[in-house]
Amino acid sequence: MSLLPEWAKDYSRRILAQDGAAALIVTLMLIPQSLAYAMLAGLPPQAGLYASILPLIIYALSGSSRTLSVGPVAVLSLMTAATLGQLSLQGVHYTDGALALALLSGGWLLLFGLFRLGFVAHFISHSVMSGFISASAVLITLSQLRHLLGIQLEGALWQLPVVLVAQSEAIPPATLGVSVISLIALLWARAGLKGLLLRIMSPASATAVVRLMPALVVMSAIVLSVQLDLESAGVAVVQSVPAGLPVLSWPEWHHLPWRELVLPSLLLGLVGFVESVSIGQTLAARRRQRIRPNRELIGLGLANLSAGVSGGMPVTGGFARSVVNFDAGAQTPAAGIYAAFGITLAGLWFAPWLSNLPQAVLAATIVVSVLGLFDWRHFGHTWRYSRADFSALCVTFIVTLTAGVEIGLVSGILVSLLLHLYHSHKPHWAEVGRIAGTEHFRNRLRHRVELNERLLCLRIDESLYFANAGELEEVIATLVSQRPGLRHLVLQCTAVNRIDASALDSLLMINERLRLAGICFHLAEVKGPVMDRLERSELLRQLSGKVYLTLFQAWQELGGS
């Protein structure tokens, strides 16, 4: 068996050239992003660079996506900062806490991948994820105000306006100027620069320049910071960024609160996996490729483990850099390996220059990059389509803003699961009748149908299990009490995908009660897997009626027409 990944077997010079060009663009984009997300997580800037080296290489060799670019991302950085801030870790302990989170989340993901538990991430609904990410975008933006304004901001969310007004006179003019110029440049690059560039260059070149604008802003800021000595003017800079490669080591185990890190690391891993798989599947579909979720769990798990032993921070697939990697023409994960070497060279040769970078510029980079995370359109769309999903979205959004990212995410998951249980507890049912002259049956309340007082056809639109079996008993008892001439009841099982043991006991009870009332109980259109299980039970032996292949057959035989 070959040790080489599948994509390496047909590697060619043409693919090498395409991957190399994409890696150059991604490298220039990753450097400022890595520094910015490390600052967002409260970590030294080199942690972001280190998290963009070994994890990229490991994922390229173990993941299933050909274009996903792995590294620090805004949401995981915020979750890291929130977790470690709640534990009041400081200094070296704080850095070790971030490494421990990377190791634990990597361990969770690897464990899920080995046991093929990728479906666990499906318990985070799209509405919950949207509310969580939108709230995270707001929190990330607010967390960067202290760097943009050069003042200390402390207190609860609702106290922030009062604190801002109270400290407005303490804002350093130089810091405010750097922030405003950086924000304008980055926002203009996103909104108006491409249209201007299209007049003088090709669309591909214009897109590449726009993608590189954050790197150009960072390089310009470093030059101006050195030339104008902005640090002396009160502008906070990154300070020292050590040159060299990360040293492989474990975090100090004995002083870390491991029990308190277990749940946050699990949530962090799940959020990273959901975000990464969503991005990977979207990009793969554009080239008619596919990714394997369980293989992604293993790839992301190993990437996080490598980040935890190489001085990094939690990582996952990033949307912006993955799209840039895709659009730049990357064909295989080798582009990620080349980007990792590019970041390594930057860390070796240009690290001293990075120490002069104003923190306000990194804060502006973070704020502009998370603008697209706030999905305000989804709020209106969800409200119009499903009030239940809108409730889960709003609960997640509000609790995340007010109580923190972990509690917000858990609250959203619990609310969405409870709402699902509530709706499945009261399944939709309909008395159906035949549309005249056809073999089709529809809800009597929505269509003009043929009915028969001796025959009741009931359609249940949900799988039957312990939470809704009692509701089915109540529905049938109510309908039977209203039909003194009823002789046959047919339960149409078109939408029933599963019947658990509790529901089976309820069906036996319904059968017995109907038999005592002189009514035959029949089943129709039972799916194969459900029928296989019923054949192993006593229901079919005790059934007072028959099992029909179609409801029309039951209608004909039982005197419906």
Protein backbone atom coordinates (compact mmCIF):
# COMPACT_ATOMS: atom_id res chain seq x y z
CA MET A 1 0.00 0.00 0.00
CA SER A 2 1.38 3.39 -0.99
CA LEU A 3 2.14 5.89 1.75
CA LEU A 4 1.60 8.78 -0.65
CA PRO A 5 -1.78 10.58 -0.54
CA GLU A 6 -4.07 10.01 -3.50
CA TRP A 7 -3.51 13.46 -4.98
CA ALA A 8 0.27 12.92 -5.16
CA LYS A 9 0.09 9.97 -7.54
CA ASP A 10 -0.61 12.04 -10.67
CA TYR A 11 1.28 15.16 -9.67
CA SER A 12 2.80 17.04 -12.61
CA ARG A 13 4.74 20.23 -13.40
CA ARG A 14 1.54 21.92 -14.56
CA ILE A 15 -0.15 21.20 -11.22
CA LEU A 16 3.03 22.27 -9.41
CA ALA A 17 2.92 25.66 -11.14
CA GLN A 18 -0.75 26.16 -10.29
CA ASP A 19 -0.29 25.12 -6.66
CA GLY A 20 2.80 27.31 -6.31
CA ALA A 21 1.04 30.41 -7.64
CA ALA A 22 -1.92 29.83 -5.29
CA ALA A 23 0.44 29.24 -2.35
CA LEU A 24 2.20 32.57 -2.93
CA ILE A 25 -1.08 34.47 -2.73
CA VAL A 26 -2.32 32.51 0.29
CA THR A 27 1.01 33.03 2.08
CA LEU A 28 0.80 36.79 1.71
CA MET A 29 -2.77 36.65 2.97
CA LEU A 30 -2.04 34.27 5.84
CA ILE A 31 0.73 36.29 7.46
CA PRO A 32 -1.39 39.27 8.56
CA GLN A 33 -4.37 36.99 9.28
CA SER A 34 -2.29 34.71 11.50
CA LEU A 35 -0.91 37.63 13.48
CA ALA A 36 -4.36 39.19 13.81
CA TYR A 37 -6.09 36.01 15.01
CA ALA A 38 -3.33 35.33 17.54
CA MET A 39 -3.90 38.82 18.93
CA LEU A 40 -7.66 38.17 18.99
CA ALA A 41 -7.05 35.01 21.03
CA GLY A 42 -4.83 36.97 23.42
CA LEU A 43 -1.72 35.04 22.36
CA PRO A 44 1.74 36.18 21.24
CA PRO A 45 1.76 36.97 17.49
CA GLN A 46 4.12 34.10 16.67
CA ALA A 47 1.45 31.63 17.85
CA GLY A 48 -0.60 32.51 14.78
CA LEU A 49 2.39 31.98 12.49
CA TYR A 50 3.25 28.66 14.11
CA ALA A 51 -0.39 27.51 13.77
CA SER A 52 -0.09 28.14 10.01
CA ILE A 53 2.94 25.92 9.41
CA LEU A 54 2.81 22.35 10.72
CA PRO A 55 -1.03 22.07 10.74
CA LEU A 56 -1.12 23.03 7.04
CA ILE A 57 1.34 20.27 6.21
CA ILE A 58 -0.38 17.65 8.37
CA TYR A 59 -3.81 18.41 6.96
CA ALA A 60 -2.52 18.27 3.39
CA LEU A 61 -1.32 14.72 4.04
CA SER A 62 -4.39 13.50 5.96
CA GLY A 63 -7.47 15.55 4.95
CA SER A 64 -9.86 14.89 2.08
CA SER A 65 -10.37 18.38 0.63
CA ARG A 66 -8.08 19.43 -2.20
CA THR A 67 -8.40 23.19 -1.64
CA LEU A 68 -9.22 23.73 2.04
CA SER A 69 -6.68 26.00 3.74
CA VAL A 70 -6.25 25.24 7.44
CA GLY A 71 -5.12 27.73 10.06
CA PRO A 72 -6.37 30.11 12.78
CA VAL A 73 -9.85 31.56 12.22
CA ALA A 74 -11.76 34.36 13.90
CA VAL A 75 -14.47 32.31 15.64
CA LEU A 76 -12.08 29.74 17.15
CA SER A 77 -9.77 32.56 18.26
CA LEU A 78 -12.68 34.24 20.05
CA MET A 79 -13.68 30.94 21.69
CA THR A 80 -10.08 30.41 22.80
CA ALA A 81 -9.90 33.89 24.33
CA ALA A 82 -13.27 33.47 26.05
CA THR A 83 -12.36 30.10 27.55
CA LEU A 84 -8.94 31.10 28.80
CA GLY A 85 -10.22 34.46 30.05
CA GLN A 86 -12.87 32.74 32.18
CA LEU A 87 -10.18 30.53 33.73
CA SER A 88 -8.10 33.64 34.60
CA LEU A 89 -4.93 32.17 33.14
CA GLN A 90 -2.04 34.58 32.71
CA GLY A 91 1.33 34.67 30.97
CA VAL A 92 2.91 31.31 30.24
CA HIS A 93 -0.11 29.55 31.71
CA TYR A 94 -2.34 31.32 29.18
CA THR A 95 -0.19 30.14 26.28
CA ASP A 96 -0.15 26.61 27.64
CA GLY A 97 -3.93 26.78 27.97
CA ALA A 98 -4.25 27.58 24.25
CA LEU A 99 -1.98 24.64 23.41
CA ALA A 100 -4.04 22.39 25.66
CA LEU A 101 -7.23 23.49 23.89
CA ALA A 102 -5.67 22.63 20.54
CA LEU A 103 -4.57 19.22 21.82
CA LEU A 104 -7.91 18.40 23.42
CA SER A 105 -10.00 19.56 20.47
CA GLY A 106 -7.69 17.62 18.17
CA GLY A 107 -8.14 14.57 20.36
CA TRP A 108 -11.93 14.89 20.23
CA LEU A 109 -11.92 15.23 16.45
CA LEU A 110 -9.54 12.33 15.98
CA LEU A 111 -11.65 10.15 18.28
CA PHE A 112 -14.84 11.04 16.39
CA GLY A 113 -13.11 10.30 13.10
CA LEU A 114 -11.79 6.91 14.17
CA PHE A 115 -15.27 5.87 15.38
CA ARG A 116 -16.94 7.46 12.32
CA LEU A 117 -19.00 9.88 14.38
CA GLY A 118 -19.08 12.73 11.89
CA PHE A 119 -22.86 12.84 12.22
CA VAL A 120 -22.49 14.34 15.73
CA ALA A 121 -21.83 17.74 14.16
CA HIS A 122 -25.28 17.61 12.56
CA PHE A 123 -26.76 18.31 15.99
CA ILE A 124 -25.67 21.91 15.48
CA SER A 125 -28.39 23.22 13.20
CA HIS A 126 -27.74 25.87 10.56
CA SER A 127 -29.87 28.37 12.48
CA VAL A 128 -27.89 27.81 15.68
CA MET A 129 -24.60 28.07 13.82
CA SER A 130 -25.74 31.25 12.06
CA GLY A 131 -26.81 32.87 15.33
CA PHE A 132 -23.58 31.84 17.01
CA ILE A 133 -21.32 33.12 14.22
CA SER A 134 -23.29 36.38 13.88
CA ALA A 135 -23.00 37.03 17.62
CA SER A 136 -19.32 36.08 17.49
CA ALA A 137 -18.79 38.67 14.73
CA VAL A 138 -20.29 41.35 16.98
CA LEU A 139 -18.17 40.25 19.96
CA ILE A 140 -15.02 40.13 17.83
CA THR A 141 -15.64 43.63 16.52
CA LEU A 142 -16.28 45.00 20.01
CA SER A 143 -13.20 43.24 21.38
CA GLN A 144 -11.02 45.12 18.89
CA LEU A 145 -12.24 48.59 19.88
CA ARG A 146 -9.56 48.84 22.55
CA HIS A 147 -6.86 48.32 19.93
CA LEU A 148 -8.52 50.60 17.40
CA LEU A 149 -8.95 53.39 19.95
CA GLY A 150 -5.89 52.76 22.11
CA ILE A 151 -7.81 52.69 25.40
CA GLN A 152 -8.76 50.07 27.97
CA LEU A 153 -12.39 48.96 27.75
CA GLU A 154 -13.77 46.82 30.54
CA GLY A 155 -17.26 45.96 31.69
CA ALA A 156 -20.37 44.23 30.41
CA LEU A 157 -21.69 44.65 26.89
CA TRP A 158 -24.43 47.08 27.92
CA GLN A 159 -21.88 49.24 29.78
CA LEU A 160 -19.69 49.73 26.72
CA PRO A 161 -21.30 52.98 25.44
CA VAL A 162 -20.90 54.60 28.86
CA VAL A 163 -17.26 53.53 29.09
CA LEU A 164 -16.55 54.82 25.58
CA VAL A 165 -18.00 58.23 26.37
CA ALA A 166 -16.09 58.40 29.66
CA GLN A 167 -12.74 57.61 28.01
CA SER A 168 -13.23 59.46 24.74
CA GLU A 169 -10.76 62.19 25.74
CA ALA A 170 -8.05 59.60 26.45
CA ILE A 171 -7.99 58.25 22.89
CA PRO A 172 -4.51 58.83 21.37
CA PRO A 173 -4.94 60.83 18.13
CA ALA A 174 -2.16 58.90 16.38
CA THR A 175 -3.78 55.53 17.15
CA LEU A 176 -7.16 56.78 15.99
CA GLY A 177 -5.61 58.06 12.77
CA VAL A 178 -3.89 54.75 12.03
CA SER A 179 -7.16 52.88 12.71
CA VAL A 180 -9.27 55.13 10.50
CA ILE A 181 -6.81 55.02 7.59
CA SER A 182 -6.47 51.23 7.85
CA LEU A 183 -10.24 50.68 7.99
CA ILE A 184 -10.84 52.98 5.02
CA ALA A 185 -8.14 51.27 2.96
CA LEU A 186 -9.38 47.76 3.75
CA LEU A 187 -13.06 48.59 3.26
CA TRP A 188 -12.31 50.37 -0.01
CA ALA A 189 -10.33 47.33 -1.16
CA ARG A 190 -13.40 45.14 -0.53
CA ALA A 191 -15.96 47.50 -2.05
CA GLY A 192 -14.47 49.75 -4.71
CA LEU A 193 -10.93 48.79 -5.65
CA LYS A 194 -11.81 45.90 -7.96
CA GLY A 195 -14.03 48.05 -10.17
CA LEU A 196 -11.19 50.52 -10.62
CA LEU A 197 -8.63 47.81 -11.36
CA LEU A 198 -10.83 46.16 -13.99
CA ARG A 199 -10.29 49.21 -16.20
CA ILE A 200 -6.57 48.54 -16.43
CA MET A 201 -6.11 44.77 -15.93
CA SER A 202 -7.79 41.41 -16.33
CA PRO A 203 -10.44 40.17 -13.84
CA ALA A 204 -8.06 37.52 -12.49
CA SER A 205 -5.30 40.07 -11.85
CA ALA A 206 -7.75 42.51 -10.28
CA THR A 207 -9.04 39.81 -7.94
CA ALA A 208 -5.49 38.86 -6.93
CA VAL A 209 -4.62 42.48 -6.09
CA VAL A 210 -7.78 42.85 -3.99
CA ARG A 211 -6.96 39.65 -2.11
CA LEU A 212 -3.46 40.94 -1.39
CA MET A 213 -4.60 44.31 -0.06
CA PRO A 214 -4.47 43.28 3.63
CA ALA A 215 -0.84 42.22 3.15
CA LEU A 216 -0.07 45.49 1.32
CA VAL A 217 -1.71 47.51 4.11
CA VAL A 218 0.34 45.61 6.71
CA MET A 219 3.63 46.17 4.84
CA SER A 220 2.84 49.86 4.35
CA ALA A 221 1.98 50.20 8.02
CA ILE A 222 5.30 48.63 9.04
CA VAL A 223 7.26 51.01 6.79
CA LEU A 224 5.37 54.07 8.07
CA SER A 225 5.69 52.88 11.66
CA VAL A 226 9.48 52.73 11.31
CA GLN A 227 9.81 55.96 9.34
CA LEU A 228 7.50 58.03 11.56
CA ASP A 229 8.37 56.27 14.84
CA LEU A 230 4.70 55.76 15.60
CA GLU A 231 5.46 53.94 18.84
CA SER A 232 6.87 57.17 20.28
CA ALA A 233 3.63 58.90 19.29
CA GLY A 234 1.62 56.53 21.48
CA VAL A 235 0.71 53.90 18.89
CA ALA A 236 0.93 50.38 20.36
CA VAL A 237 2.91 47.98 18.18
CA VAL A 238 3.17 44.20 18.12
CA GLN A 239 6.55 44.24 19.90
CA SER A 240 9.03 41.41 19.51
CA VAL A 241 8.27 38.50 17.18
CA PRO A 242 10.95 35.85 17.62
CA ALA A 243 12.55 34.62 14.41
CA GLY A 244 12.95 30.92 13.79
CA LEU A 245 10.93 27.75 13.69
CA PRO A 246 8.55 26.56 16.42
CA VAL A 247 9.99 24.18 18.98
CA LEU A 248 8.13 20.90 19.39
CA SER A 249 7.06 20.58 23.02
CA TRP A 250 4.14 19.76 25.28
CA PRO A 251 2.34 22.36 27.41
CA GLU A 252 2.98 22.26 31.13
CA TRP A 253 0.35 19.78 32.29
CA HIS A 254 0.38 20.15 36.04
CA HIS A 255 -0.87 23.76 36.39
CA LEU A 256 -3.71 23.61 33.87
CA PRO A 257 -7.39 23.10 34.87
CA TRP A 258 -7.93 20.16 32.53
CA ARG A 259 -11.47 19.39 33.67
CA GLU A 260 -12.59 22.94 32.87
CA LEU A 261 -11.06 22.64 29.39
CA VAL A 262 -12.88 19.43 28.36
CA LEU A 263 -16.26 20.91 27.38
CA PRO A 264 -14.84 24.08 25.72
CA SER A 265 -12.45 21.94 23.68
CA LEU A 266 -15.33 19.70 22.55
CA LEU A 267 -17.41 22.69 21.44
CA LEU A 268 -14.39 24.26 19.81
CA GLY A 269 -13.70 21.10 17.83
CA LEU A 270 -17.33 20.72 16.74
CA VAL A 271 -17.62 24.35 15.61
CA GLY A 272 -14.37 24.08 13.70
CA PHE A 273 -15.47 20.83 12.06
CA VAL A 274 -18.89 22.19 11.02
CA GLU A 275 -17.33 25.36 9.58
CA SER A 276 -14.59 23.46 7.79
CA VAL A 277 -16.85 20.78 6.28
CA SER A 278 -19.31 23.42 5.07
CA ILE A 279 -16.54 25.31 3.29
CA GLY A 280 -14.92 22.15 1.95
CA GLN A 281 -18.16 20.77 0.53
CA THR A 282 -19.00 24.07 -1.16
CA LEU A 283 -15.62 24.29 -2.87
CA ALA A 284 -15.54 20.60 -3.78
CA ALA A 285 -18.96 20.85 -5.44
CA ARG A 286 -17.68 23.58 -7.77
CA ARG A 287 -15.21 21.06 -9.27
CA ARG A 288 -17.48 18.05 -8.95
CA GLN A 289 -15.29 16.61 -6.24
CA ARG A 290 -16.29 15.33 -2.83
CA ILE A 291 -14.95 15.30 0.68
CA ARG A 292 -15.35 12.61 3.30
CA PRO A 293 -16.54 13.97 6.68
CA ASN A 294 -14.95 11.22 8.76
CA ARG A 295 -11.67 11.69 6.92
CA GLU A 296 -12.01 15.42 7.63
CA LEU A 297 -12.36 14.68 11.32
CA ILE A 298 -9.08 12.80 11.26
CA GLY A 299 -7.31 15.46 9.19
CA LEU A 300 -8.49 18.35 11.36
CA GLY A 301 -7.81 16.33 14.51
CA LEU A 302 -4.20 15.68 13.50
CA ALA A 303 -3.80 19.32 12.43
CA ASN A 304 -4.90 20.52 15.87
CA LEU A 305 -2.68 18.01 17.61
CA SER A 306 0.26 19.29 15.58
CA ALA A 307 -0.67 22.88 16.49
CA GLY A 308 -0.71 21.89 20.17
CA VAL A 309 2.83 20.54 20.07
CA SER A 310 4.33 23.29 17.88
CA GLY A 311 3.46 26.42 19.84
CA GLY A 312 0.31 27.21 17.85
CA MET A 313 -3.39 27.53 18.64
CA PRO A 314 -6.66 25.79 17.60
CA VAL A 315 -7.13 25.67 13.82
CA THR A 316 -9.70 24.76 11.22
CA GLY A 317 -10.47 25.47 7.57
CA GLY A 318 -10.82 29.21 6.98
CA PHE A 319 -13.44 30.52 4.56
CA ALA A 320 -11.56 33.53 3.13
CA ARG A 321 -8.21 31.82 2.65
CA SER A 322 -9.81 28.65 1.24
CA VAL A 323 -11.75 30.66 -1.33
CA VAL A 324 -8.59 32.56 -2.25
CA ASN A 325 -6.71 29.26 -2.55
CA PHE A 326 -9.46 27.89 -4.80
CA ASP A 327 -9.78 31.00 -6.96
CA ALA A 328 -6.00 31.26 -7.32
CA GLY A 329 -6.02 27.88 -9.05
CA ALA A 330 -4.84 25.45 -6.37
CA GLN A 331 -5.34 21.87 -7.59
CA THR A 332 -4.11 19.79 -4.66
CA PRO A 333 -3.35 20.11 -0.93
CA ALA A 334 0.29 20.58 -1.91
CA ALA A 335 -0.56 24.28 -2.20
CA GLY A 336 -1.01 24.24 1.58
CA ILE A 337 2.40 22.66 2.05
CA TYR A 338 4.01 25.34 -0.13
CA ALA A 339 2.18 28.05 1.81
CA ALA A 340 3.51 26.57 5.07
CA PHE A 341 7.07 26.82 3.73
CA GLY A 342 6.37 30.40 2.65
CA ILE A 343 5.22 31.33 6.15
CA THR A 344 8.28 29.58 7.57
CA LEU A 345 10.57 31.72 5.41
CA ALA A 346 8.66 34.84 6.42
CA GLY A 347 9.07 33.91 10.07
CA LEU A 348 12.79 33.32 9.61
CA TRP A 349 13.63 36.44 7.62
CA PHE A 350 10.96 39.07 8.32
CA ALA A 351 10.00 38.46 11.95
CA PRO A 352 11.99 41.46 13.26
CA TRP A 353 10.07 43.75 10.89
CA LEU A 354 6.73 42.46 12.16
CA SER A 355 7.55 43.78 15.63
CA ASN A 356 7.00 47.32 14.30
CA LEU A 357 3.47 46.59 13.08
CA PRO A 358 0.81 48.75 14.83
CA GLN A 359 -1.76 46.71 16.71
CA ALA A 360 -4.47 49.01 15.35
CA VAL A 361 -3.74 47.74 11.83
CA LEU A 362 -4.20 44.13 12.92
CA ALA A 363 -7.42 45.11 14.71
CA ALA A 364 -8.68 46.77 11.52
CA THR A 365 -7.81 43.59 9.59
CA ILE A 366 -9.86 41.51 12.03
CA VAL A 367 -12.87 43.84 11.95
CA VAL A 368 -13.01 43.96 8.16
CA SER A 369 -12.53 40.19 7.83
CA VAL A 370 -15.48 39.39 10.15
CA LEU A 371 -17.93 41.81 8.53
CA GLY A 372 -19.23 39.04 6.30
CA LEU A 373 -19.81 36.72 9.27
CA PHE A 374 -22.87 38.66 10.43
CA ASP A 375 -25.60 37.02 8.34
CA TRP A 376 -28.41 39.54 8.86
CA ARG A 377 -30.35 38.25 5.85
CA HIS A 378 -30.68 34.86 7.52
CA PHE A 379 -32.64 36.45 10.39
CA GLY A 380 -35.38 37.68 8.04
CA HIS A 381 -35.38 34.52 5.95
CA THR A 382 -35.71 32.29 9.03
CA TRP A 383 -38.47 34.46 10.52
CA ARG A 384 -40.55 34.11 7.36
CA TYR A 385 -39.97 30.38 6.98
CA SER A 386 -39.87 28.87 10.49
CA ARG A 387 -40.62 30.60 13.79
CA ALA A 388 -39.13 27.63 15.67
CA ASP A 389 -35.79 27.94 13.90
CA PHE A 390 -35.95 31.70 14.37
CA SER A 391 -36.36 31.14 18.11
CA ALA A 392 -33.25 28.93 18.20
CA LEU A 393 -31.33 31.50 16.15
CA CYS A 394 -32.31 34.40 18.44
CA VAL A 395 -31.64 32.46 21.64
CA THR A 396 -28.19 31.54 20.39
CA PHE A 397 -27.47 35.10 19.25
CA ILE A 398 -28.67 36.82 22.45
CA VAL A 399 -27.17 34.33 24.94
CA THR A 400 -23.83 34.34 23.10
CA LEU A 401 -23.73 38.15 23.29
CA THR A 402 -24.73 38.37 26.93
CA ALA A 403 -23.44 35.19 28.58
CA GLY A 404 -20.50 34.07 26.46
CA VAL A 405 -19.71 31.90 23.46
CA GLU A 406 -19.81 28.51 25.19
CA ILE A 407 -23.10 29.06 27.00
CA GLY A 408 -24.59 30.62 23.88
CA LEU A 409 -23.70 27.68 21.66
CA VAL A 410 -24.89 25.07 24.19
CA SER A 411 -28.13 27.02 24.72
CA GLY A 412 -28.80 27.13 20.99
CA ILE A 413 -28.18 23.40 20.61
CA LEU A 414 -30.48 22.59 23.54
CA VAL A 415 -33.25 24.89 22.29
CA SER A 416 -33.14 23.43 18.77
CA LEU A 417 -33.25 19.87 20.14
CA LEU A 418 -36.11 20.70 22.51
CA LEU A 419 -38.06 22.33 19.68
CA HIS A 420 -37.50 19.24 17.54
CA LEU A 421 -38.74 17.00 20.35
CA TYR A 422 -41.76 19.25 20.86
CA HIS A 423 -42.77 19.13 17.20
CA SER A 424 -42.18 15.40 16.88
CA HIS A 425 -44.15 14.94 20.13
CA LYS A 426 -47.16 16.38 18.33
CA PRO A 427 -46.82 14.88 14.86
CA HIS A 428 -48.90 16.13 11.98
CA TRP A 429 -51.74 13.78 11.11
CA ALA A 430 -54.54 13.93 8.59
CA GLU A 431 -57.73 12.06 7.82
CA VAL A 432 -57.40 11.31 4.13
CA GLY A 433 -59.91 10.44 1.45
CA ARG A 434 -59.73 9.42 -2.19
CA ILE A 435 -59.70 12.01 -4.94
CA ALA A 436 -62.56 10.93 -7.20
CA GLY A 437 -61.51 8.84 -10.18
CA THR A 438 -57.90 8.37 -9.00
CA GLU A 439 -55.80 6.20 -6.70
CA HIS A 440 -54.54 9.25 -4.79
CA PHE A 441 -55.50 10.14 -1.22
CA ARG A 442 -55.31 13.62 0.28
CA ASN A 443 -56.17 15.52 3.46
CA ARG A 444 -59.94 16.00 3.68
CA LEU A 445 -59.42 19.53 5.00
CA ARG A 446 -57.38 20.63 1.97
CA HIS A 447 -59.03 18.78 -0.90
CA ARG A 448 -62.44 17.61 -2.04
CA VAL A 449 -62.28 13.87 -1.44
CA GLU A 450 -64.49 10.80 -1.14
CA LEU A 451 -65.11 9.49 2.40
CA ASN A 452 -66.90 6.51 3.93
CA GLU A 453 -68.50 6.42 7.38
CA ARG A 454 -67.47 2.78 7.85
CA LEU A 455 -63.82 3.38 6.90
CA LEU A 456 -61.35 5.85 8.42
CA CYS A 457 -57.99 6.39 6.66
CA LEU A 458 -55.48 8.14 8.92
CA ARG A 459 -52.06 9.35 7.69
CA ILE A 460 -49.34 9.99 10.29
CA ASP A 461 -46.47 12.22 9.11
CA GLU A 462 -43.74 11.28 11.58
CA SER A 463 -41.76 8.30 12.75
CA LEU A 464 -43.30 6.74 15.83
CA TYR A 465 -41.29 6.68 19.04
CA PHE A 466 -41.71 7.02 22.79
CA ALA A 467 -42.40 10.77 22.77
CA ASN A 468 -45.29 10.76 20.30
CA ALA A 469 -46.79 7.29 20.65
CA GLY A 470 -49.20 8.48 23.33
CA GLU A 471 -50.32 11.34 21.08
CA LEU A 472 -51.24 8.83 18.36
CA GLU A 473 -53.36 6.91 20.89
CA GLU A 474 -55.20 10.12 21.81
CA VAL A 475 -55.81 11.08 18.18
CA ILE A 476 -57.26 7.69 17.29
CA ALA A 477 -59.40 7.54 20.44
CA THR A 478 -60.85 10.98 19.65
CA LEU A 479 -61.62 10.17 16.02
CA VAL A 480 -63.19 6.80 16.90
CA SER A 481 -65.45 8.41 19.50
CA GLN A 482 -66.83 10.69 16.79
CA ARG A 483 -67.67 7.83 14.35
CA PRO A 484 -70.32 5.48 15.77
CA GLY A 485 -70.60 3.63 12.44
CA LEU A 486 -66.87 3.03 12.03
CA ARG A 487 -65.82 -0.55 11.23
CA HIS A 488 -62.30 -0.22 9.78
CA LEU A 489 -59.34 2.07 10.58
CA VAL A 490 -56.37 2.11 8.22
CA LEU A 491 -53.13 3.73 9.39
CA GLN A 492 -51.19 5.00 6.35
CA CYS A 493 -47.48 4.73 7.19
CA THR A 494 -45.96 6.46 4.16
CA ALA A 495 -43.93 8.88 6.31
CA VAL A 496 -43.10 6.43 9.11
CA ASN A 497 -39.40 5.59 8.91
CA ARG A 498 -39.04 4.01 12.34
CA ILE A 499 -41.17 2.47 15.08
CA ASP A 500 -39.44 2.03 18.43
CA ALA A 501 -40.41 -0.36 21.22
CA SER A 502 -42.61 2.16 23.03
CA ALA A 503 -44.50 2.95 19.82
CA LEU A 504 -44.90 -0.78 19.15
CA ASP A 505 -46.57 -1.20 22.58
CA SER A 506 -48.88 1.71 21.71
CA LEU A 507 -49.84 0.08 18.39
CA LEU A 508 -50.61 -3.17 20.24
CA MET A 509 -52.76 -1.23 22.69
CA ILE A 510 -54.55 0.61 19.85
CA ASN A 511 -55.19 -2.71 18.12
CA GLU A 512 -56.68 -4.22 21.27
CA ARG A 513 -58.89 -1.21 22.05
CA LEU A 514 -60.19 -1.10 18.49
CA ARG A 515 -60.87 -4.88 18.55
CA LEU A 516 -62.93 -4.51 21.73
CA ALA A 517 -64.88 -1.71 20.03
CA GLY A 518 -65.60 -3.93 17.02
CA ILE A 519 -63.22 -2.07 14.72
CA CYS A 520 -60.54 -3.73 12.58
CA PHE A 521 -57.11 -2.10 12.64
CA HIS A 522 -55.15 -2.12 9.36
CA LEU A 523 -51.77 -0.84 8.17
CA ALA A 524 -50.94 0.41 4.68
CA GLU A 525 -47.83 1.44 2.76
CA VAL A 526 -45.41 0.28 5.46
CA LYS A 527 -41.78 0.79 4.38
CA GLY A 528 -39.52 -2.21 3.96
CA PRO A 529 -37.13 -1.60 6.90
CA VAL A 530 -40.09 -0.89 9.21
CA MET A 531 -41.86 -4.04 8.00
CA ASP A 532 -38.73 -6.09 8.66
CA ARG A 533 -38.84 -5.04 12.31
CA LEU A 534 -42.60 -5.55 12.64
CA GLU A 535 -42.22 -9.11 11.35
CA ARG A 536 -40.02 -9.81 14.38
CA SER A 537 -42.75 -8.56 16.73
CA GLU A 538 -46.13 -9.89 17.85
CA LEU A 539 -48.08 -7.01 16.26
CA LEU A 540 -48.62 -8.69 12.89
CA ARG A 541 -49.79 -11.92 14.59
CA GLN A 542 -52.27 -10.05 16.79
CA LEU A 543 -53.39 -7.48 14.22
CA SER A 544 -57.18 -7.54 13.88
CA GLY A 545 -56.94 -6.39 10.27
CA LYS A 546 -54.42 -6.71 7.43
CA VAL A 547 -51.32 -5.01 6.05
CA TYR A 548 -51.95 -3.51 2.61
CA LEU A 549 -49.34 -2.63 0.03
CA THR A 550 -51.21 0.55 -0.92
CA LEU A 551 -53.96 2.57 0.66
CA PHE A 552 -55.99 2.26 -2.55
CA GLN A 553 -56.03 -1.53 -2.17
CA ALA A 554 -57.36 -1.14 1.36
CA TRP A 555 -59.97 1.34 0.15
CA GLN A 556 -61.22 -1.06 -2.51
CA GLU A 557 -61.26 -4.16 -0.33
CA LEU A 558 -62.83 -2.55 2.74
CA GLY A 559 -65.70 -0.99 0.87
CA GLY A 560 -64.51 2.55 0.40
CA SER A 561 -66.14 2.69 -3.03
